[in-house]
């Protein structure tokens, strides 16, 4: 898949494309409908399937304090777009100057002169151009004599609108199962494993892989979750009995560890039945379902008792997740409780 940063990077010999446009944060099921329609049209016409995305998020340019939390990084968007069949992604640097472009100029410069688009796919709530004055209907009117336009309603079968906003709402409620439904996959975060307080293995007997994320990243509400941890591809050796690119069962804590008075929010994953030195390795943590809310316990003994129950619940949830067979090509490792 090609990645073009800015319109100047688009090949001059591009002569035909099917294009979908949006921020695509999360690349949720609604976005996937747009992408699938674009790819289908491209394959039918022998053209290139192009996804146009914006970075940074338009809201962050005008209202930085109200900028939405990111569900996926830009590079995660690339990976997902490629998985769903997109041939090229055009990343446009969103600026106030760009936002002042008239809808007519937007179509002429971006879609006609740069991408040589013959077909456009957008969602029903699509807006563009100066003051977001252009709508999907505006686009159809401007393009009527130039290219075809498909406007797709991003509703599920029950009439619920699927959007990045609803995914963020589900996450803020700790409802990762519903977020996963909207995404069409497990919600996940990726990043390096760093050293924490060190009490997980030494004091508690539950060693964890600790990760910290910037406050612009969407995370589930504080609590304990069942999920999977995968060491991302690496040339560095992994010390222990874990291998890269295998998803291992994990009980995942999100929050500040109120029992110990910690202040920094973190994601801490206890990998079941495996032991490895993960410091410095990049790992992906997938969230499957909520186990319990975050609590402050009166004693370490009380905490340990609850953590043992968390592990039992985690095994049950993940066994059901494996049985559902909706997880894609990844190899998942879940050892039975009696093993």
Protein backbone atom coordinates (compact mmCIF):
# COMPACT_ATOMS: atom_id res chain seq x y z
CA UNK A 1 0.00 0.00 0.00
CA UNK A 2 1.21 3.50 -0.86
CA UNK A 3 1.25 6.28 1.73
CA UNK A 4 1.30 9.85 0.47
CA UNK A 5 2.01 12.66 2.91
CA UNK A 6 0.48 15.72 1.29
CA UNK A 7 -0.95 16.22 -2.19
CA UNK A 8 2.51 16.92 -3.64
CA UNK A 9 3.41 13.28 -2.98
CA UNK A 10 0.60 11.91 -5.15
CA UNK A 11 2.11 10.43 -8.33
CA UNK A 12 1.60 12.61 -11.39
CA UNK A 13 0.70 9.57 -13.47
CA UNK A 14 -2.28 8.63 -11.27
CA UNK A 15 -5.06 8.67 -13.84
CA UNK A 16 -8.07 7.15 -12.09
CA UNK A 17 -9.12 6.53 -8.50
CA UNK A 18 -12.04 5.66 -6.27
CA UNK A 19 -11.79 7.81 -3.14
CA UNK A 20 -13.23 7.84 0.36
CA UNK A 21 -12.66 10.82 2.66
CA UNK A 22 -12.71 11.24 6.44
CA UNK A 23 -10.66 11.25 9.63
CA UNK A 24 -11.23 7.49 10.07
CA UNK A 25 -10.21 7.49 13.74
CA UNK A 26 -10.85 3.95 14.96
CA UNK A 27 -11.60 2.60 11.47
CA UNK A 28 -14.84 1.31 12.98
CA UNK A 29 -17.59 -0.67 11.26
CA UNK A 30 -19.06 2.48 9.74
CA UNK A 31 -15.69 3.40 8.26
CA UNK A 32 -15.33 -0.15 7.02
CA UNK A 33 -18.58 0.23 5.04
CA UNK A 34 -17.06 3.26 3.30
CA UNK A 35 -13.78 1.48 2.65
CA UNK A 36 -15.47 -1.67 1.33
CA UNK A 37 -17.63 0.36 -1.07
CA UNK A 38 -14.54 2.23 -2.29
CA UNK A 39 -12.51 -0.94 -2.80
CA UNK A 40 -15.41 -2.64 -4.60
CA UNK A 41 -15.77 0.29 -7.01
CA UNK A 42 -12.01 0.41 -7.61
CA UNK A 43 -11.89 -3.29 -8.43
CA UNK A 44 -14.87 -2.95 -10.79
CA UNK A 45 -13.32 -0.04 -12.69
CA UNK A 46 -9.65 -1.00 -12.54
CA UNK A 47 -8.84 2.14 -10.57
CA UNK A 48 -6.86 2.77 -7.39
CA UNK A 49 -8.71 2.64 -4.04
CA UNK A 50 -7.61 5.74 -2.11
CA UNK A 51 -8.42 6.71 1.48
CA UNK A 52 -7.98 10.41 2.30
CA UNK A 53 -7.42 11.07 6.01
CA UNK A 54 -6.53 14.14 8.03
CA UNK A 55 -3.86 14.67 10.65
CA UNK A 56 -4.19 16.30 13.10
CA UNK A 57 -7.88 15.86 13.88
CA UNK A 58 -9.76 18.95 12.61
CA UNK A 59 -11.28 19.66 16.04
CA UNK A 60 -7.81 19.90 17.59
CA UNK A 61 -6.95 22.76 15.23
CA UNK A 62 -9.90 24.97 16.20
CA UNK A 63 -10.72 23.76 19.72
CA UNK A 64 -7.60 22.10 21.17
CA UNK A 65 -9.15 21.63 24.62
CA UNK A 66 -12.08 19.78 23.08
CA UNK A 67 -10.01 17.58 20.78
CA UNK A 68 -11.32 14.00 20.91
CA UNK A 69 -9.14 11.28 22.37
CA UNK A 70 -7.46 9.18 19.70
CA UNK A 71 -8.78 5.64 19.23
CA UNK A 72 -6.10 4.67 16.71
CA UNK A 73 -2.76 6.18 15.80
CA UNK A 74 -2.15 7.32 12.26
CA UNK A 75 -0.01 4.25 11.59
CA UNK A 76 -2.71 1.96 12.98
CA UNK A 77 -5.11 3.59 10.51
CA UNK A 78 -2.65 2.73 7.73
CA UNK A 79 -2.44 -0.90 8.81
CA UNK A 80 -6.21 -1.31 9.06
CA UNK A 81 -6.79 0.43 5.72
CA UNK A 82 -4.39 -1.99 4.06
CA UNK A 83 -6.10 -4.95 5.73
CA UNK A 84 -9.43 -3.87 4.23
CA UNK A 85 -8.01 -3.51 0.72
CA UNK A 86 -7.10 0.17 0.33
CA UNK A 87 -4.34 0.72 -2.25
CA UNK A 88 -3.13 4.14 -1.07
CA UNK A 89 -3.65 6.54 1.82
CA UNK A 90 -3.32 10.29 1.34
CA UNK A 91 -2.57 12.11 4.60
CA UNK A 92 -3.54 15.76 4.54
CA UNK A 93 -2.14 18.16 7.12
CA UNK A 94 -5.28 19.82 8.44
CA UNK A 95 -4.81 23.56 8.97
CA UNK A 96 -7.03 26.61 9.40
CA UNK A 97 -6.01 27.67 5.89
CA UNK A 98 -7.20 24.36 4.46
CA UNK A 99 -10.50 24.69 6.28
CA UNK A 100 -11.13 27.95 4.42
CA UNK A 101 -11.20 26.25 1.03
CA UNK A 102 -14.57 26.56 -0.71
CA UNK A 103 -16.38 23.29 -1.48
CA UNK A 104 -15.98 23.92 -5.22
CA UNK A 105 -12.23 24.50 -4.93
CA UNK A 106 -11.92 21.47 -2.65
CA UNK A 107 -13.43 19.22 -5.30
CA UNK A 108 -11.49 20.79 -8.15
CA UNK A 109 -8.05 20.68 -6.54
CA UNK A 110 -8.16 17.55 -4.39
CA UNK A 111 -10.51 15.20 -6.17
CA UNK A 112 -10.25 16.27 -9.79
CA UNK A 113 -6.75 17.68 -10.37
CA UNK A 114 -4.78 15.68 -7.76
CA UNK A 115 -6.49 12.30 -7.40
CA UNK A 116 -8.26 12.20 -10.79
CA UNK A 117 -11.18 10.59 -9.02
CA UNK A 118 -13.95 8.94 -10.98
CA UNK A 119 -15.89 7.84 -7.90
CA UNK A 120 -16.29 9.21 -4.36
CA UNK A 121 -17.64 7.45 -1.26
CA UNK A 122 -18.61 9.42 1.86
CA UNK A 123 -20.78 8.98 4.93
CA UNK A 124 -24.18 10.64 5.23
CA UNK A 125 -22.80 13.03 7.88
CA UNK A 126 -19.83 14.12 5.73
CA UNK A 127 -18.95 17.83 5.73
CA UNK A 128 -16.15 19.66 3.95
CA UNK A 129 -14.90 23.03 2.80
CA UNK A 130 -15.15 26.48 4.35
CA UNK A 131 -16.91 26.42 7.74
CA UNK A 132 -17.81 22.79 6.99
CA UNK A 133 -20.52 24.26 4.75
CA UNK A 134 -20.27 21.46 2.20
CA UNK A 135 -22.41 18.40 2.86
CA UNK A 136 -22.81 15.07 1.12
CA UNK A 137 -25.57 16.63 -0.99
CA UNK A 138 -23.29 19.56 -1.85
CA UNK A 139 -20.65 17.09 -2.97
CA UNK A 140 -23.13 15.25 -5.20
CA UNK A 141 -24.26 18.51 -6.80
CA UNK A 142 -20.72 19.76 -7.48
CA UNK A 143 -19.58 16.40 -8.84
CA UNK A 144 -22.69 15.64 -10.89
CA UNK A 145 -20.99 16.21 -14.26
CA UNK A 146 -17.51 15.10 -13.16
CA UNK A 147 -17.66 11.90 -11.10
CA UNK A 148 -20.11 9.61 -9.32
CA UNK A 149 -20.75 9.93 -5.59
CA UNK A 150 -22.06 7.29 -3.19
CA UNK A 151 -23.42 8.48 0.16
CA UNK A 152 -23.58 5.71 2.75
CA UNK A 153 -25.59 5.79 5.96
CA UNK A 154 -23.44 4.61 8.86
CA UNK A 155 -26.22 2.81 10.72
CA UNK A 156 -26.19 -0.75 11.97
CA UNK A 157 -29.08 -3.15 11.42
CA UNK A 158 -30.85 -1.80 14.54
CA UNK A 159 -30.65 1.81 13.37
CA UNK A 160 -27.81 2.75 15.74
CA UNK A 161 -25.32 5.19 14.25
CA UNK A 162 -21.75 3.91 14.42
CA UNK A 163 -19.25 6.70 15.01
CA UNK A 164 -15.89 7.39 16.61
CA UNK A 165 -17.76 9.39 19.25
CA UNK A 166 -19.87 6.39 20.28
CA UNK A 167 -16.74 4.21 20.49
CA UNK A 168 -15.16 6.76 22.85
CA UNK A 169 -18.34 6.84 24.93
CA UNK A 170 -18.34 3.06 25.28
CA UNK A 171 -14.69 3.13 26.36
CA UNK A 172 -15.32 5.89 28.91
CA UNK A 173 -18.05 3.68 30.42
CA UNK A 174 -15.72 0.67 30.56
CA UNK A 175 -17.99 -1.11 28.09
CA UNK A 176 -15.21 -2.54 25.94
CA UNK A 177 -17.46 -5.33 24.66
CA UNK A 178 -19.73 -2.73 23.06
CA UNK A 179 -16.73 -0.76 21.79
CA UNK A 180 -15.45 -3.97 20.20
CA UNK A 181 -18.83 -4.48 18.55
CA UNK A 182 -18.66 -0.98 17.02
CA UNK A 183 -15.06 -1.47 15.91
CA UNK A 184 -15.58 -4.94 14.51
CA UNK A 185 -12.48 -6.12 16.40
CA UNK A 186 -10.91 -5.88 19.86
CA UNK A 187 -10.08 -2.37 20.99
CA UNK A 188 -6.32 -2.23 21.56
CA UNK A 189 -3.45 0.02 22.56
CA UNK A 190 0.21 -0.46 21.67
CA UNK A 191 3.41 0.86 23.19
CA UNK A 192 6.61 -0.01 25.02
CA UNK A 193 6.71 -1.84 28.34
CA UNK A 194 8.31 0.34 31.01
CA UNK A 195 9.37 -0.20 34.60
CA UNK A 196 6.67 0.40 37.18
CA UNK A 197 6.80 0.40 40.98
CA UNK A 198 8.07 -3.18 40.95
CA UNK A 199 5.56 -4.44 43.51
CA UNK A 200 3.54 -6.64 41.12
CA UNK A 201 6.00 -9.52 41.00
CA UNK A 202 7.99 -9.05 44.19
CA UNK A 203 5.22 -8.17 46.65
CA UNK A 204 2.07 -9.53 45.07
CA UNK A 205 3.16 -12.46 42.92
CA UNK A 206 1.40 -10.96 39.91
CA UNK A 207 4.16 -9.50 37.67
CA UNK A 208 2.76 -7.03 35.18
CA UNK A 209 3.81 -5.43 31.91
CA UNK A 210 3.33 -1.71 32.53
CA UNK A 211 2.52 0.88 29.89
CA UNK A 212 1.89 4.61 30.11
CA UNK A 213 0.02 6.58 27.46
CA UNK A 214 -0.33 10.27 26.70
CA UNK A 215 -3.57 11.84 27.89
CA UNK A 216 -4.63 12.30 24.25
CA UNK A 217 -5.04 8.51 23.86
CA UNK A 218 -8.44 6.90 24.44
CA UNK A 219 -8.36 4.25 27.16
CA UNK A 220 -11.15 2.28 28.84
CA UNK A 221 -12.49 3.52 32.17
CA UNK A 222 -10.47 2.58 35.24
CA UNK A 223 -11.01 -1.06 36.07
CA UNK A 224 -9.89 -4.62 35.41
CA UNK A 225 -10.40 -6.26 32.02
CA UNK A 226 -9.87 -9.60 30.33
CA UNK A 227 -7.76 -9.41 27.21
CA UNK A 228 -4.75 -10.43 25.21
CA UNK A 229 -1.13 -9.25 25.14
CA UNK A 230 1.01 -9.63 22.03
CA UNK A 231 4.71 -8.85 21.72
CA UNK A 232 5.01 -6.92 18.46
CA UNK A 233 7.58 -8.05 15.85
CA UNK A 234 11.11 -7.49 17.11
CA UNK A 235 14.66 -8.50 16.30
CA UNK A 236 15.63 -8.28 19.97
CA UNK A 237 15.49 -11.58 21.86
CA UNK A 238 12.66 -12.07 24.36
CA UNK A 239 13.80 -13.57 27.65
CA UNK A 240 11.28 -16.10 28.98
CA UNK A 241 8.62 -18.41 27.58
CA UNK A 242 6.78 -15.95 25.34
CA UNK A 243 7.19 -15.34 21.61
CA UNK A 244 6.41 -12.34 19.41
CA UNK A 245 3.17 -12.28 17.41
CA UNK A 246 1.29 -14.67 19.71
CA UNK A 247 -1.56 -13.24 21.77
CA UNK A 248 -1.35 -14.39 25.39
CA UNK A 249 -4.21 -14.33 27.87
CA UNK A 250 -3.97 -11.43 30.29
CA UNK A 251 -5.80 -9.76 33.17
CA UNK A 252 -5.43 -6.04 32.51
CA UNK A 253 -5.67 -3.23 35.04
CA UNK A 254 -6.33 0.34 33.88
CA UNK A 255 -6.02 3.11 36.44
CA UNK A 256 -3.92 4.55 39.25
CA UNK A 257 -3.69 1.63 41.72
CA UNK A 258 -5.66 3.37 44.51
CA UNK A 259 -4.71 0.74 47.10
CA UNK A 260 -1.11 1.97 46.89
CA UNK A 261 -1.85 5.65 46.33
CA UNK A 262 -0.29 5.85 42.87
CA UNK A 263 -1.17 8.96 40.88
CA UNK A 264 -0.13 8.18 37.30
CA UNK A 265 -2.68 6.30 35.21
CA UNK A 266 -1.28 3.17 33.61
CA UNK A 267 -2.18 -0.02 31.78
CA UNK A 268 -0.80 -3.06 33.62
CA UNK A 269 -1.14 -6.53 32.11
CA UNK A 270 -0.66 -9.75 34.07
CA UNK A 271 -0.02 -12.48 31.51
CA UNK A 272 -1.55 -15.78 32.60
CA UNK A 273 0.68 -18.88 32.78
CA UNK A 274 3.66 -17.22 31.05
CA UNK A 275 6.72 -15.37 32.31
CA UNK A 276 9.03 -13.16 30.26
CA UNK A 277 11.13 -10.03 30.59
CA UNK A 278 9.19 -7.59 28.42
CA UNK A 279 10.93 -4.36 29.42
CA UNK A 280 11.64 -2.26 26.34
CA UNK A 281 9.55 -4.42 24.02
CA UNK A 282 6.56 -2.95 22.21
CA UNK A 283 3.38 -4.85 23.00
CA UNK A 284 -0.23 -4.67 21.88
CA UNK A 285 -2.91 -5.05 24.53
CA UNK A 286 -6.39 -6.06 23.34
CA UNK A 287 -9.42 -5.58 25.57
CA UNK A 288 -12.16 -8.22 25.43
CA UNK A 289 -14.53 -7.53 28.33
CA UNK A 290 -14.89 -5.81 31.69
CA UNK A 291 -14.11 -7.86 34.81
CA UNK A 292 -14.68 -5.33 37.62
CA UNK A 293 -14.40 -1.67 38.53
CA UNK A 294 -11.28 -0.25 40.17
CA UNK A 295 -11.37 -0.42 43.97
CA UNK A 296 -9.25 0.67 46.92
CA UNK A 297 -8.67 -2.23 49.31
CA UNK A 298 -7.96 -2.05 53.03
CA UNK A 299 -5.15 -4.60 52.89
CA UNK A 300 -2.81 -6.32 50.47
CA UNK A 301 -4.37 -9.65 51.47
CA UNK A 302 -7.80 -8.44 50.40
CA UNK A 303 -6.36 -7.22 47.10
CA UNK A 304 -4.66 -10.57 46.45
CA UNK A 305 -7.91 -12.45 47.09
CA UNK A 306 -9.76 -10.29 44.56
CA UNK A 307 -6.92 -10.54 42.01
CA UNK A 308 -7.11 -14.34 42.17
CA UNK A 309 -10.82 -14.10 41.39
CA UNK A 310 -10.02 -11.69 38.54
CA UNK A 311 -7.84 -14.37 36.96
CA UNK A 312 -10.63 -16.95 37.17
CA UNK A 313 -13.10 -14.55 35.53
CA UNK A 314 -10.52 -13.65 32.89
CA UNK A 315 -10.04 -17.29 31.90
CA UNK A 316 -13.79 -17.74 31.50
CA UNK A 317 -14.21 -14.60 29.38
CA UNK A 318 -11.28 -15.45 27.12
CA UNK A 319 -12.38 -19.06 26.67
CA UNK A 320 -15.69 -17.68 25.37
CA UNK A 321 -13.79 -15.23 23.16
CA UNK A 322 -11.80 -18.08 21.60
CA UNK A 323 -14.98 -20.11 21.11
CA UNK A 324 -16.61 -17.18 19.29
CA UNK A 325 -13.95 -17.52 16.56
CA UNK A 326 -14.17 -13.86 15.57
CA UNK A 327 -10.57 -12.88 16.21
CA UNK A 328 -8.86 -13.12 12.84
CA UNK A 329 -5.59 -14.78 11.89
CA UNK A 330 -3.70 -14.16 15.16
CA UNK A 331 -2.56 -17.17 17.22
CA UNK A 332 -4.12 -16.99 20.69
CA UNK A 333 -2.67 -18.77 23.75
CA UNK A 334 -4.98 -19.65 26.63
CA UNK A 335 -3.94 -22.46 28.97
CA UNK A 336 -6.72 -24.37 30.68
CA UNK A 337 -7.06 -23.78 34.42
CA UNK A 338 -6.25 -27.42 35.18
CA UNK A 339 -3.09 -27.49 33.04
